[in-house]
PDB file of all heavy atoms in Angstrom:
ATOM      1  N   LEU A   1     166.623 -27.184-124.951  1.00  0.00           N
ATOM      2  CA  LEU A   1     167.145 -27.909-123.731  1.00  0.00           C
ATOM      3  C   LEU A   1     167.360 -26.866-122.674  1.00  0.00           C
ATOM      4  O   LEU A   1     167.099 -27.357-121.499  1.00  0.00           O
ATOM      5  CB  LEU A   1     168.509 -28.573-124.302  1.00  0.00           C
ATOM      6  CG  LEU A   1     168.462 -29.596-125.331  1.00  0.00           C
ATOM      7  CD1 LEU A   1     169.827 -30.152-125.602  1.00  0.00           C
ATOM      8  CD2 LEU A   1     167.559 -30.740-124.869  1.00  0.00           C
ATOM      9  N   THR A   2     167.745 -25.620-122.989  1.00  0.00           N
ATOM     10  CA  THR A   2     167.949 -24.644-121.890  1.00  0.00           C
ATOM     11  C   THR A   2     166.653 -24.438-121.090  1.00  0.00           C
ATOM     12  O   THR A   2     166.516 -24.396-119.911  1.00  0.00           O
ATOM     13  CB  THR A   2     168.381 -23.306-122.370  1.00  0.00           C
ATOM     14  OG1 THR A   2     169.761 -23.574-123.004  1.00  0.00           O
ATOM     15  CG2 THR A   2     168.530 -22.217-121.497  1.00  0.00           C
ATOM     16  N   GLY A   3     165.504 -24.459-121.792  1.00  0.00           N
ATOM     17  CA  GLY A   3     164.215 -24.284-121.246  1.00  0.00           C
ATOM     18  C   GLY A   3     163.884 -25.444-120.362  1.00  0.00           C
ATOM     19  O   GLY A   3     163.147 -25.133-119.331  1.00  0.00           O
ATOM     20  N   TYR A   4     164.322 -26.638-120.669  1.00  0.00           N
ATOM     21  CA  TYR A   4     163.958 -27.723-119.726  1.00  0.00           C
ATOM     22  C   TYR A   4     164.771 -27.617-118.427  1.00  0.00           C
ATOM     23  O   TYR A   4     164.419 -28.064-117.277  1.00  0.00           O
ATOM     24  CB  TYR A   4     164.360 -29.089-120.397  1.00  0.00           C
ATOM     25  CG  TYR A   4     163.390 -29.505-121.457  1.00  0.00           C
ATOM     26  CD1 TYR A   4     163.693 -29.628-122.827  1.00  0.00           C
ATOM     27  CD2 TYR A   4     162.063 -29.823-120.970  1.00  0.00           C
ATOM     28  CE1 TYR A   4     162.784 -30.077-123.672  1.00  0.00           C
ATOM     29  CE2 TYR A   4     161.113 -30.319-121.880  1.00  0.00           C
ATOM     30  CZ  TYR A   4     161.396 -30.354-123.226  1.00  0.00           C
ATOM     31  OH  TYR A   4     160.521 -30.795-124.082  1.00  0.00           O
ATOM     32  N   ILE A   5     166.088 -27.210-118.413  1.00  0.00           N
ATOM     33  CA  ILE A   5     166.888 -27.138-117.288  1.00  0.00           C
ATOM     34  C   ILE A   5     166.692 -25.924-116.373  1.00  0.00           C
ATOM     35  O   ILE A   5     166.867 -26.050-115.207  1.00  0.00           O
ATOM     36  CB  ILE A   5     168.444 -27.128-117.757  1.00  0.00           C
ATOM     37  CG1 ILE A   5     168.719 -28.283-118.734  1.00  0.00           C
ATOM     38  CG2 ILE A   5     169.341 -27.154-116.599  1.00  0.00           C
ATOM     39  CD1 ILE A   5     169.882 -28.225-119.503  1.00  0.00           C
ATOM     40  N   THR A   6     166.376 -24.734-116.893  1.00  0.00           N
ATOM     41  CA  THR A   6     166.261 -23.535-116.166  1.00  0.00           C
ATOM     42  C   THR A   6     164.917 -23.313-115.774  1.00  0.00           C
ATOM     43  O   THR A   6     163.950 -24.064-116.053  1.00  0.00           O
ATOM     44  CB  THR A   6     166.841 -22.327-117.061  1.00  0.00           C
ATOM     45  OG1 THR A   6     166.060 -22.314-118.327  1.00  0.00           O
ATOM     46  CG2 THR A   6     168.250 -22.554-117.400  1.00  0.00           C
ATOM     47  N   GLU A   7     164.801 -22.170-114.906  1.00  0.00           N
ATOM     48  CA  GLU A   7     163.440 -21.847-114.455  1.00  0.00           C
ATOM     49  C   GLU A   7     162.754 -20.686-115.058  1.00  0.00           C
ATOM     50  O   GLU A   7     162.522 -19.538-114.549  1.00  0.00           O
ATOM     51  CB  GLU A   7     163.666 -21.508-112.817  1.00  0.00           C
ATOM     52  CG  GLU A   7     163.972 -22.703-112.045  1.00  0.00           C
ATOM     53  CD  GLU A   7     165.342 -22.593-111.406  1.00  0.00           C
ATOM     54  OE1 GLU A   7     166.023 -21.421-111.482  1.00  0.00           O
ATOM     55  OE2 GLU A   7     165.981 -23.638-110.968  1.00  0.00           O
ATOM     56  N   GLY A   8     162.496 -20.882-116.384  1.00  0.00           N
ATOM     57  CA  GLY A   8     161.832 -19.889-117.142  1.00  0.00           C
ATOM     58  C   GLY A   8     162.730 -19.240-118.257  1.00  0.00           C
ATOM     59  O   GLY A   8     163.731 -19.802-118.578  1.00  0.00           O
ATOM     60  N   GLN A   9     162.280 -18.207-118.961  1.00  0.00           N
ATOM     61  CA  GLN A   9     163.066 -17.501-119.926  1.00  0.00           C
ATOM     62  C   GLN A   9     162.645 -16.072-120.078  1.00  0.00           C
ATOM     63  O   GLN A   9     161.251 -15.776-119.865  1.00  0.00           O
ATOM     64  CB  GLN A   9     162.968 -18.233-121.263  1.00  0.00           C
ATOM     65  CG  GLN A   9     161.682 -18.339-121.895  1.00  0.00           C
ATOM     66  CD  GLN A   9     160.756 -19.430-121.339  1.00  0.00           C
ATOM     67  OE1 GLN A   9     161.206 -20.330-121.030  1.00  0.00           O
ATOM     68  NE2 GLN A   9     159.550 -19.107-121.407  1.00  0.00           N
ATOM     69  N   ILE A  10     163.381 -15.168-120.406  1.00  0.00           N
ATOM     70  CA  ILE A  10     163.100 -13.803-120.840  1.00  0.00           C
ATOM     71  C   ILE A  10     163.341 -13.793-122.396  1.00  0.00           C
ATOM     72  O   ILE A  10     164.369 -14.181-122.856  1.00  0.00           O
ATOM     73  CB  ILE A  10     163.935 -12.750-120.117  1.00  0.00           C
ATOM     74  CG1 ILE A  10     163.897 -12.801-118.615  1.00  0.00           C
ATOM     75  CG2 ILE A  10     163.645 -11.396-120.641  1.00  0.00           C
ATOM     76  CD1 ILE A  10     162.499 -12.591-118.080  1.00  0.00           C
ATOM     77  N   ILE A  11     162.145 -13.279-123.142  1.00  0.00           N
ATOM     78  CA  ILE A  11     162.467 -13.377-124.567  1.00  0.00           C
ATOM     79  C   ILE A  11     162.377 -11.963-125.216  1.00  0.00           C
ATOM     80  O   ILE A  11     161.528 -11.151-124.896  1.00  0.00           O
ATOM     81  CB  ILE A  11     161.211 -14.269-125.140  1.00  0.00           C
ATOM     82  CG1 ILE A  11     161.370 -15.742-124.713  1.00  0.00           C
ATOM     83  CG2 ILE A  11     161.243 -14.216-126.634  1.00  0.00           C
ATOM     84  CD1 ILE A  11     160.278 -16.646-125.306  1.00  0.00           C
ATOM     85  N   LEU A  12     163.404 -11.714-126.051  1.00  0.00           N
ATOM     86  CA  LEU A  12     163.538 -10.471-126.725  1.00  0.00           C
ATOM     87  C   LEU A  12     162.832 -10.674-128.162  1.00  0.00           C
ATOM     88  O   LEU A  12     162.834 -11.702-128.760  1.00  0.00           O
ATOM     89  CB  LEU A  12     165.030 -10.158-127.132  1.00  0.00           C
ATOM     90  CG  LEU A  12     165.810  -9.951-125.891  1.00  0.00           C
ATOM     91  CD1 LEU A  12     167.143  -9.303-126.177  1.00  0.00           C
ATOM     92  CD2 LEU A  12     165.097  -9.102-124.705  1.00  0.00           C
ATOM     93  N   SER A  13     161.954  -9.711-128.485  1.00  0.00           N
ATOM     94  CA  SER A  13     161.098  -9.651-129.582  1.00  0.00           C
ATOM     95  C   SER A  13     161.591  -8.911-130.812  1.00  0.00           C
ATOM     96  O   SER A  13     161.845  -7.704-130.584  1.00  0.00           O
ATOM     97  CB  SER A  13     159.736  -9.230-129.217  1.00  0.00           C
ATOM     98  OG  SER A  13     159.002  -8.808-130.347  1.00  0.00           O
ATOM     99  N   ARG A  14     161.741  -9.509-132.040  1.00  0.00           N
ATOM    100  CA  ARG A  14     162.234  -8.668-133.064  1.00  0.00           C
ATOM    101  C   ARG A  14     161.169  -7.713-133.573  1.00  0.00           C
ATOM    102  O   ARG A  14     161.456  -6.564-133.965  1.00  0.00           O
ATOM    103  CB  ARG A  14     162.437  -9.676-134.260  1.00  0.00           C
ATOM    104  CG  ARG A  14     163.384  -9.049-135.312  1.00  0.00           C
ATOM    105  CD  ARG A  14     163.784 -10.080-136.346  1.00  0.00           C
ATOM    106  NE  ARG A  14     164.728 -11.113-135.779  1.00  0.00           N
ATOM    107  CZ  ARG A  14     166.006 -10.871-135.616  1.00  0.00           C
ATOM    108  NH1 ARG A  14     166.519  -9.663-135.842  1.00  0.00           N
ATOM    109  NH2 ARG A  14     166.775 -11.840-135.051  1.00  0.00           N
ATOM    110  N   GLU A  15     159.817  -8.077-133.303  1.00  0.00           N
ATOM    111  CA  GLU A  15     158.764  -7.125-133.685  1.00  0.00           C
ATOM    112  C   GLU A  15     158.953  -5.861-132.765  1.00  0.00           C
ATOM    113  O   GLU A  15     158.740  -4.736-133.243  1.00  0.00           O
ATOM    114  CB  GLU A  15     157.460  -7.813-133.418  1.00  0.00           C
ATOM    115  CG  GLU A  15     156.215  -6.913-133.532  1.00  0.00           C
ATOM    116  CD  GLU A  15     154.923  -7.448-133.087  1.00  0.00           C
ATOM    117  OE1 GLU A  15     154.832  -8.676-132.659  1.00  0.00           O
ATOM    118  OE2 GLU A  15     154.079  -6.679-132.806  1.00  0.00           O
ATOM    119  N   LEU A  16     159.180  -5.935-131.411  1.00  0.00           N
ATOM    120  CA  LEU A  16     159.230  -4.812-130.602  1.00  0.00           C
ATOM    121  C   LEU A  16     160.474  -4.120-130.901  1.00  0.00           C
ATOM    122  O   LEU A  16     160.354  -2.852-130.941  1.00  0.00           O
ATOM    123  CB  LEU A  16     159.092  -5.329-129.065  1.00  0.00           C
ATOM    124  CG  LEU A  16     158.027  -5.960-128.609  1.00  0.00           C
ATOM    125  CD1 LEU A  16     158.166  -6.299-127.071  1.00  0.00           C
ATOM    126  CD2 LEU A  16     156.764  -4.869-128.720  1.00  0.00           C
ATOM    127  N   TYR A  17     161.521  -4.808-131.197  1.00  0.00           N
ATOM    128  CA  TYR A  17     162.727  -4.087-131.688  1.00  0.00           C
ATOM    129  C   TYR A  17     162.587  -3.222-132.834  1.00  0.00           C
ATOM    130  O   TYR A  17     163.115  -1.989-132.878  1.00  0.00           O
ATOM    131  CB  TYR A  17     163.861  -5.160-131.820  1.00  0.00           C
ATOM    132  CG  TYR A  17     165.259  -4.646-132.356  1.00  0.00           C
ATOM    133  CD1 TYR A  17     165.928  -3.784-131.571  1.00  0.00           C
ATOM    134  CD2 TYR A  17     165.683  -4.950-133.651  1.00  0.00           C
ATOM    135  CE1 TYR A  17     167.201  -3.176-132.016  1.00  0.00           C
ATOM    136  CE2 TYR A  17     166.895  -4.402-134.072  1.00  0.00           C
ATOM    137  CZ  TYR A  17     167.609  -3.586-133.156  1.00  0.00           C
ATOM    138  OH  TYR A  17     168.879  -3.074-133.640  1.00  0.00           O
ATOM    139  N   LYS A  18     161.903  -3.742-133.805  1.00  0.00           N
ATOM    140  CA  LYS A  18     161.788  -2.947-135.168  1.00  0.00           C
ATOM    141  C   LYS A  18     160.814  -1.714-134.778  1.00  0.00           C
ATOM    142  O   LYS A  18     160.927  -0.771-135.562  1.00  0.00           O
ATOM    143  CB  LYS A  18     161.030  -3.788-136.150  1.00  0.00           C
ATOM    144  CG  LYS A  18     162.016  -4.777-136.726  1.00  0.00           C
ATOM    145  CD  LYS A  18     161.351  -5.632-137.838  1.00  0.00           C
ATOM    146  CE  LYS A  18     162.369  -6.774-138.416  1.00  0.00           C
ATOM    147  NZ  LYS A  18     161.693  -7.663-139.319  1.00  0.00           N
ATOM    148  N   SER A  19     159.986  -1.832-133.822  1.00  0.00           N
ATOM    149  CA  SER A  19     159.116  -0.695-133.373  1.00  0.00           C
ATOM    150  C   SER A  19     159.823   0.353-132.542  1.00  0.00           C
ATOM    151  O   SER A  19     159.288   1.362-132.124  1.00  0.00           O
ATOM    152  CB  SER A  19     157.928  -1.280-132.576  1.00  0.00           C
ATOM    153  OG  SER A  19     157.098  -2.233-133.233  1.00  0.00           O
ATOM    154  N   GLY A  20     161.129   0.101-132.283  1.00  0.00           N
ATOM    155  CA  GLY A  20     161.971   1.098-131.559  1.00  0.00           C
ATOM    156  C   GLY A  20     161.815   1.009-130.020  1.00  0.00           C
ATOM    157  O   GLY A  20     162.236   1.986-129.288  1.00  0.00           O
ATOM    158  N   ILE A  21     161.306  -0.010-129.599  1.00  0.00           N
ATOM    159  CA  ILE A  21     161.166  -0.247-128.083  1.00  0.00           C
ATOM    160  C   ILE A  21     162.351  -0.787-127.417  1.00  0.00           C
ATOM    161  O   ILE A  21     162.930  -1.918-127.911  1.00  0.00           O
ATOM    162  CB  ILE A  21     159.957  -1.156-127.776  1.00  0.00           C
ATOM    163  CG1 ILE A  21     158.718  -0.376-128.215  1.00  0.00           C
ATOM    164  CG2 ILE A  21     159.778  -1.616-126.328  1.00  0.00           C
ATOM    165  CD1 ILE A  21     157.276  -1.262-128.080  1.00  0.00           C
ATOM    166  N   GLN A  22     162.788  -0.221-126.336  1.00  0.00           N
ATOM    167  CA  GLN A  22     163.976  -0.551-125.740  1.00  0.00           C
ATOM    168  C   GLN A  22     163.846  -0.829-124.198  1.00  0.00           C
ATOM    169  O   GLN A  22     163.284   0.142-123.535  1.00  0.00           O
ATOM    170  CB  GLN A  22     165.096   0.478-125.873  1.00  0.00           C
ATOM    171  CG  GLN A  22     165.467   0.794-127.361  1.00  0.00           C
ATOM    172  CD  GLN A  22     166.438   1.968-127.507  1.00  0.00           C
ATOM    173  OE1 GLN A  22     166.639   2.749-126.615  1.00  0.00           O
ATOM    174  NE2 GLN A  22     167.141   1.945-128.590  1.00  0.00           N
ATOM    175  N   PRO A  23     164.108  -1.933-123.659  1.00  0.00           N
ATOM    176  CA  PRO A  23     164.566  -3.183-124.281  1.00  0.00           C
ATOM    177  C   PRO A  23     163.330  -3.797-124.818  1.00  0.00           C
ATOM    178  O   PRO A  23     162.235  -3.862-124.185  1.00  0.00           O
ATOM    179  CB  PRO A  23     165.163  -3.969-123.078  1.00  0.00           C
ATOM    180  CG  PRO A  23     164.478  -3.366-121.846  1.00  0.00           C
ATOM    181  CD  PRO A  23     164.176  -1.927-122.147  1.00  0.00           C
ATOM    182  N   PRO A  24     163.494  -4.559-125.929  1.00  0.00           N
ATOM    183  CA  PRO A  24     162.447  -5.179-126.628  1.00  0.00           C
ATOM    184  C   PRO A  24     161.950  -6.488-126.029  1.00  0.00           C
ATOM    185  O   PRO A  24     161.961  -7.572-126.641  1.00  0.00           O
ATOM    186  CB  PRO A  24     162.822  -5.432-127.949  1.00  0.00           C
ATOM    187  CG  PRO A  24     164.323  -5.667-127.872  1.00  0.00           C
ATOM    188  CD  PRO A  24     164.814  -4.808-126.640  1.00  0.00           C
ATOM    189  N   ILE A  25     161.579  -6.546-124.731  1.00  0.00           N
ATOM    190  CA  ILE A  25     161.289  -7.701-124.021  1.00  0.00           C
ATOM    191  C   ILE A  25     159.751  -8.054-124.182  1.00  0.00           C
ATOM    192  O   ILE A  25     158.993  -7.125-123.830  1.00  0.00           O
ATOM    193  CB  ILE A  25     161.655  -7.580-122.398  1.00  0.00           C
ATOM    194  CG1 ILE A  25     163.155  -7.439-122.231  1.00  0.00           C
ATOM    195  CG2 ILE A  25     160.995  -8.870-121.731  1.00  0.00           C
ATOM    196  CD1 ILE A  25     163.604  -7.328-120.847  1.00  0.00           C
ATOM    197  N   PHE A  26     159.496  -9.284-124.743  1.00  0.00           N
ATOM    198  CA  PHE A  26     158.049  -9.598-125.016  1.00  0.00           C
ATOM    199  C   PHE A  26     157.551 -10.378-123.819  1.00  0.00           C
ATOM    200  O   PHE A  26     158.051 -11.558-123.547  1.00  0.00           O
ATOM    201  CB  PHE A  26     158.042 -10.468-126.185  1.00  0.00           C
ATOM    202  CG  PHE A  26     156.745 -10.770-126.874  1.00  0.00           C
ATOM    203  CD1 PHE A  26     155.628 -10.037-126.464  1.00  0.00           C
ATOM    204  CD2 PHE A  26     156.390 -11.738-127.638  1.00  0.00           C
ATOM    205  CE1 PHE A  26     154.316 -10.236-126.884  1.00  0.00           C
ATOM    206  CE2 PHE A  26     155.104 -12.066-128.152  1.00  0.00           C
ATOM    207  CZ  PHE A  26     154.166 -11.248-127.866  1.00  0.00           C
ATOM    208  N   VAL A  27     156.744  -9.841-123.066  1.00  0.00           N
ATOM    209  CA  VAL A  27     156.244 -10.425-121.672  1.00  0.00           C
ATOM    210  C   VAL A  27     155.422 -11.593-121.869  1.00  0.00           C
ATOM    211  O   VAL A  27     155.373 -12.428-120.992  1.00  0.00           O
ATOM    212  CB  VAL A  27     155.623  -9.279-120.799  1.00  0.00           C
ATOM    213  CG1 VAL A  27     156.604  -8.208-120.613  1.00  0.00           C
ATOM    214  CG2 VAL A  27     154.303  -8.801-121.325  1.00  0.00           C
ATOM    215  N   ILE A  28     154.564 -11.788-122.840  1.00  0.00           N
ATOM    216  CA  ILE A  28     153.695 -12.895-122.981  1.00  0.00           C
ATOM    217  C   ILE A  28     154.315 -14.227-123.011  1.00  0.00           C
ATOM    218  O   ILE A  28     153.870 -15.096-122.130  1.00  0.00           O
ATOM    219  CB  ILE A  28     152.682 -12.703-124.081  1.00  0.00           C
ATOM    220  CG1 ILE A  28     151.792 -11.492-123.813  1.00  0.00           C
ATOM    221  CG2 ILE A  28     151.860 -13.928-124.351  1.00  0.00           C
ATOM    222  CD1 ILE A  28     150.786 -11.044-124.899  1.00  0.00           C
ATOM    223  N   PRO A  29     155.265 -14.463-123.872  1.00  0.00           N
ATOM    224  CA  PRO A  29     155.883 -15.749-123.839  1.00  0.00           C
ATOM    225  C   PRO A  29     157.143 -15.937-122.754  1.00  0.00           C
ATOM    226  O   PRO A  29     157.587 -16.968-122.462  1.00  0.00           O
ATOM    227  CB  PRO A  29     156.572 -16.055-125.219  1.00  0.00           C
ATOM    228  CG  PRO A  29     156.774 -14.601-125.722  1.00  0.00           C
ATOM    229  CD  PRO A  29     155.853 -13.678-125.031  1.00  0.00           C
ATOM    230  N   SER A  30     157.414 -14.675-122.060  1.00  0.00           N
ATOM    231  CA  SER A  30     158.447 -14.808-120.989  1.00  0.00           C
ATOM    232  C   SER A  30     157.934 -15.398-119.785  1.00  0.00           C
ATOM    233  O   SER A  30     156.693 -15.287-119.580  1.00  0.00           O
ATOM    234  CB  SER A  30     159.033 -13.405-120.868  1.00  0.00           C
ATOM    235  OG  SER A  30     159.728 -12.973-121.964  1.00  0.00           O
ATOM    236  N   LEU A  31     158.727 -15.913-118.897  1.00  0.00           N
ATOM    237  CA  LEU A  31     158.271 -16.594-117.797  1.00  0.00           C
ATOM    238  C   LEU A  31     159.411 -16.735-116.699  1.00  0.00           C
ATOM    239  O   LEU A  31     160.517 -17.082-117.058  1.00  0.00           O
ATOM    240  CB  LEU A  31     157.783 -18.007-118.180  1.00  0.00           C
ATOM    241  CG  LEU A  31     157.479 -19.067-117.025  1.00  0.00           C
ATOM    242  CD1 LEU A  31     156.117 -18.589-116.318  1.00  0.00           C
ATOM    243  CD2 LEU A  31     157.221 -20.316-117.622  1.00  0.00           C
ATOM    244  N   SER A  32     159.008 -16.425-115.456  1.00  0.00           N
ATOM    245  CA  SER A  32     159.979 -16.789-114.396  1.00  0.00           C
ATOM    246  C   SER A  32     159.158 -17.679-113.437  1.00  0.00           C
ATOM    247  O   SER A  32     158.165 -17.323-112.753  1.00  0.00           O
ATOM    248  CB  SER A  32     160.202 -15.415-113.563  1.00  0.00           C
ATOM    249  OG  SER A  32     160.938 -15.904-112.492  1.00  0.00           O
ATOM    250  N   ARG A  33     159.624 -18.991-113.388  1.00  0.00           N
ATOM    251  CA  ARG A  33     158.888 -19.959-112.678  1.00  0.00           C
ATOM    252  C   ARG A  33     158.914 -19.755-111.161  1.00  0.00           C
ATOM    253  O   ARG A  33     158.018 -20.259-110.451  1.00  0.00           O
ATOM    254  CB  ARG A  33     159.334 -21.484-113.102  1.00  0.00           C
ATOM    255  CG  ARG A  33     159.073 -21.814-114.474  1.00  0.00           C
ATOM    256  CD  ARG A  33     159.370 -23.209-114.717  1.00  0.00           C
ATOM    257  NE  ARG A  33     159.013 -23.605-116.036  1.00  0.00           N
ATOM    258  CZ  ARG A  33     159.941 -23.684-117.039  1.00  0.00           C
ATOM    259  NH1 ARG A  33     161.205 -23.512-116.709  1.00  0.00           N
ATOM    260  NH2 ARG A  33     159.579 -24.038-118.345  1.00  0.00           N
ATOM    261  N   LEU A  34     159.819 -18.994-110.660  1.00  0.00           N
ATOM    262  CA  LEU A  34     159.983 -18.623-109.300  1.00  0.00           C
ATOM    263  C   LEU A  34     159.599 -17.332-108.825  1.00  0.00           C
ATOM    264  O   LEU A  34     159.706 -16.968-107.714  1.00  0.00           O
ATOM    265  CB  LEU A  34     161.457 -18.902-108.948  1.00  0.00           C
ATOM    266  CG  LEU A  34     162.194 -20.290-109.149  1.00  0.00           C
ATOM    267  CD1 LEU A  34     163.525 -20.301-108.685  1.00  0.00           C
ATOM    268  CD2 LEU A  34     161.162 -21.375-108.490  1.00  0.00           C
ATOM    269  N   LYS A  35     158.940 -16.659-109.810  1.00  0.00           N
ATOM    270  CA  LYS A  35     158.563 -15.226-109.460  1.00  0.00           C
ATOM    271  C   LYS A  35     157.588 -15.040-108.207  1.00  0.00           C
ATOM    272  O   LYS A  35     157.659 -14.241-107.408  1.00  0.00           O
ATOM    273  CB  LYS A  35     157.818 -14.624-110.625  1.00  0.00           C
ATOM    274  CG  LYS A  35     156.498 -15.218-111.058  1.00  0.00           C
ATOM    275  CD  LYS A  35     156.052 -14.598-112.320  1.00  0.00           C
ATOM    276  CE  LYS A  35     154.820 -15.481-112.900  1.00  0.00           C
ATOM    277  NZ  LYS A  35     154.327 -15.134-114.310  1.00  0.00           N
ATOM    278  N   ASP A  36     156.648 -16.043-108.017  1.00  0.00           N
ATOM    279  CA  ASP A  36     155.774 -16.014-106.812  1.00  0.00           C
ATOM    280  C   ASP A  36     156.454 -16.188-105.570  1.00  0.00           C
ATOM    281  O   ASP A  36     156.023 -15.707-104.458  1.00  0.00           O
ATOM    282  CB  ASP A  36     154.710 -17.216-106.994  1.00  0.00           C
ATOM    283  CG  ASP A  36     153.808 -16.919-108.176  1.00  0.00           C
ATOM    284  OD1 ASP A  36     153.630 -15.664-108.623  1.00  0.00           O
ATOM    285  OD2 ASP A  36     153.244 -17.941-108.773  1.00  0.00           O
ATOM    286  N   LYS A  37     157.665 -16.695-105.662  1.00  0.00           N
ATOM    287  CA  LYS A  37     158.482 -16.969-104.297  1.00  0.00           C
ATOM    288  C   LYS A  37     159.220 -15.611-103.895  1.00  0.00           C
ATOM    289  O   LYS A  37     159.631 -15.534-102.734  1.00  0.00           O
ATOM    290  CB  LYS A  37     159.516 -18.014-104.447  1.00  0.00           C
ATOM    291  CG  LYS A  37     158.886 -19.344-105.064  1.00  0.00           C
ATOM    292  CD  LYS A  37     157.714 -19.941-104.076  1.00  0.00           C
ATOM    293  CE  LYS A  37     157.173 -21.127-104.735  1.00  0.00           C
ATOM    294  NZ  LYS A  37     156.088 -21.682-103.866  1.00  0.00           N
ATOM    295  N   GLY A  38     159.433 -14.766-104.812  1.00  0.00           N
ATOM    296  CA  GLY A  38     160.207 -13.595-104.527  1.00  0.00           C
ATOM    297  C   GLY A  38     159.440 -12.324-104.399  1.00  0.00           C
ATOM    298  O   GLY A  38     160.110 -11.119-104.312  1.00  0.00           O
ATOM    299  N   ILE A  39     158.110 -12.273-104.293  1.00  0.00           N
ATOM    300  CA  ILE A  39     157.304 -11.030-104.283  1.00  0.00           C
ATOM    301  C   ILE A  39     156.399 -11.167-103.187  1.00  0.00           C
ATOM    302  O   ILE A  39     156.089 -12.110-102.566  1.00  0.00           O
ATOM    303  CB  ILE A  39     156.603 -10.870-105.653  1.00  0.00           C
ATOM    304  CG1 ILE A  39     155.603 -11.977-105.917  1.00  0.00           C
ATOM    305  CG2 ILE A  39     157.483 -10.730-106.892  1.00  0.00           C
ATOM    306  CD1 ILE A  39     154.640 -11.753-107.152  1.00  0.00           C
ATOM    307  N   GLY A  40     155.669 -10.005-102.956  1.00  0.00           N
ATOM    308  CA  GLY A  40     154.683  -9.840-101.879  1.00  0.00           C
ATOM    309  C   GLY A  40     155.017  -9.095-100.776  1.00  0.00           C
ATOM    310  O   GLY A  40     156.190  -8.380-100.821  1.00  0.00           O
ATOM    311  N   LYS A  41     154.349  -8.947 -99.733  1.00  0.00           N
ATOM    312  CA  LYS A  41     154.548  -8.207 -98.598  1.00  0.00           C
ATOM    313  C   LYS A  41     155.874  -8.517 -98.014  1.00  0.00           C
ATOM    314  O   LYS A  41     156.205  -9.724 -97.783  1.00  0.00           O
ATOM    315  CB  LYS A  41     153.366  -8.347 -97.627  1.00  0.00           C
ATOM    316  CG  LYS A  41     153.389  -7.310 -96.451  1.00  0.00           C
ATOM    317  CD  LYS A  41     152.223  -7.347 -95.660  1.00  0.00           C
ATOM    318  CE  LYS A  41     152.061  -6.155 -94.673  1.00  0.00           C
ATOM    319  NZ  LYS A  41     150.910  -6.317 -93.952  1.00  0.00           N
ATOM    320  N   GLY A  42     156.745  -7.555 -97.610  1.00  0.00           N
ATOM    321  CA  GLY A  42     157.975  -7.901 -96.985  1.00  0.00           C
ATOM    322  C   GLY A  42     159.100  -8.146 -97.931  1.00  0.00           C
ATOM    323  O   GLY A  42     160.309  -8.188 -97.638  1.00  0.00           O
ATOM    324  N   LYS A  43     158.713  -8.360 -99.210  1.00  0.00           N
ATOM    325  CA  LYS A  43     159.759  -8.657-100.261  1.00  0.00           C
ATOM    326  C   LYS A  43     159.696  -7.567-101.367  1.00  0.00           C
ATOM    327  O   LYS A  43     160.722  -6.906-101.582  1.00  0.00           O
ATOM    328  CB  LYS A  43     159.463  -9.984-100.808  1.00  0.00           C
ATOM    329  CG  LYS A  43     159.772 -11.132 -99.952  1.00  0.00           C
ATOM    330  CD  LYS A  43     159.550 -12.421-100.632  1.00  0.00           C
ATOM    331  CE  LYS A  43     159.781 -13.582 -99.443  1.00  0.00           C
ATOM    332  NZ  LYS A  43     159.485 -14.960-100.156  1.00  0.00           N
ATOM    333  N   THR A  44     158.584  -7.361-101.853  1.00  0.00           N
ATOM    334  CA  THR A  44     158.408  -6.196-102.825  1.00  0.00           C
ATOM    335  C   THR A  44     157.210  -5.309-102.283  1.00  0.00           C
ATOM    336  O   THR A  44     157.507  -4.479-101.636  1.00  0.00           O
ATOM    337  CB  THR A  44     158.026  -6.783-104.289  1.00  0.00           C
ATOM    338  OG1 THR A  44     156.978  -7.610-104.214  1.00  0.00           O
ATOM    339  CG2 THR A  44     159.221  -7.510-104.910  1.00  0.00           C
ATOM    340  N   ARG A  45     155.930  -5.711-102.587  1.00  0.00           N
ATOM    341  CA  ARG A  45     154.874  -4.944-102.070  1.00  0.00           C
ATOM    342  C   ARG A  45     153.659  -5.853-102.074  1.00  0.00           C
ATOM    343  O   ARG A  45     153.621  -6.841-102.959  1.00  0.00           O
ATOM    344  CB  ARG A  45     154.604  -3.702-102.875  1.00  0.00           C
ATOM    345  CG  ARG A  45     153.853  -2.660-102.003  1.00  0.00           C
ATOM    346  CD  ARG A  45     153.925  -1.339-102.565  1.00  0.00           C
ATOM    347  NE  ARG A  45     153.020  -1.178-103.856  1.00  0.00           N
ATOM    348  CZ  ARG A  45     152.986  -0.115-104.616  1.00  0.00           C
ATOM    349  NH1 ARG A  45     153.813   0.939-104.417  1.00  0.00           N
ATOM    350  NH2 ARG A  45     152.193  -0.126-105.679  1.00  0.00           N
ATOM    351  N   GLU A  46     152.646  -5.658-101.221  1.00  0.00           N
ATOM    352  CA  GLU A  46     151.454  -6.579-101.143  1.00  0.00           C
ATOM    353  C   GLU A  46     150.714  -6.748-102.450  1.00  0.00           C
ATOM    354  O   GLU A  46     150.065  -7.821-102.529  1.00  0.00           O
ATOM    355  CB  GLU A  46     150.523  -6.054-100.026  1.00  0.00           C
ATOM    356  CG  GLU A  46     150.105  -4.654-100.251  1.00  0.00           C
ATOM    357  CD  GLU A  46     149.359  -4.014 -99.094  1.00  0.00           C
ATOM    358  OE1 GLU A  46     149.107  -4.839 -98.137  1.00  0.00           O
ATOM    359  OE2 GLU A  46     148.800  -2.861 -99.145  1.00  0.00           O
ATOM    360  N   ASP A  47     150.673  -5.740-103.138  1.00  0.00           N
ATOM    361  CA  ASP A  47     149.798  -5.750-104.386  1.00  0.00           C
ATOM    362  C   ASP A  47     150.500  -6.260-105.658  1.00  0.00           C
ATOM    363  O   ASP A  47     149.929  -6.361-106.650  1.00  0.00           O
ATOM    364  CB  ASP A  47     149.353  -4.235-104.776  1.00  0.00           C
ATOM    365  CG  ASP A  47     150.541  -3.431-104.931  1.00  0.00           C
ATOM    366  OD1 ASP A  47     151.417  -3.376-104.166  1.00  0.00           O
ATOM    367  OD2 ASP A  47     150.609  -2.697-105.998  1.00  0.00           O
TER     368      ASP A  47
END
């Protein structure tokens, strides 16, 4: 239900955590639906 209401999700991975990776954020299923609105020239960088 949270996924329906919010604008994406950051997912922590048990596999990455067991590998000793900190923070164990798994980028493939993670998503920010508004990311395109906050990046680019004048906000972060053109590339």
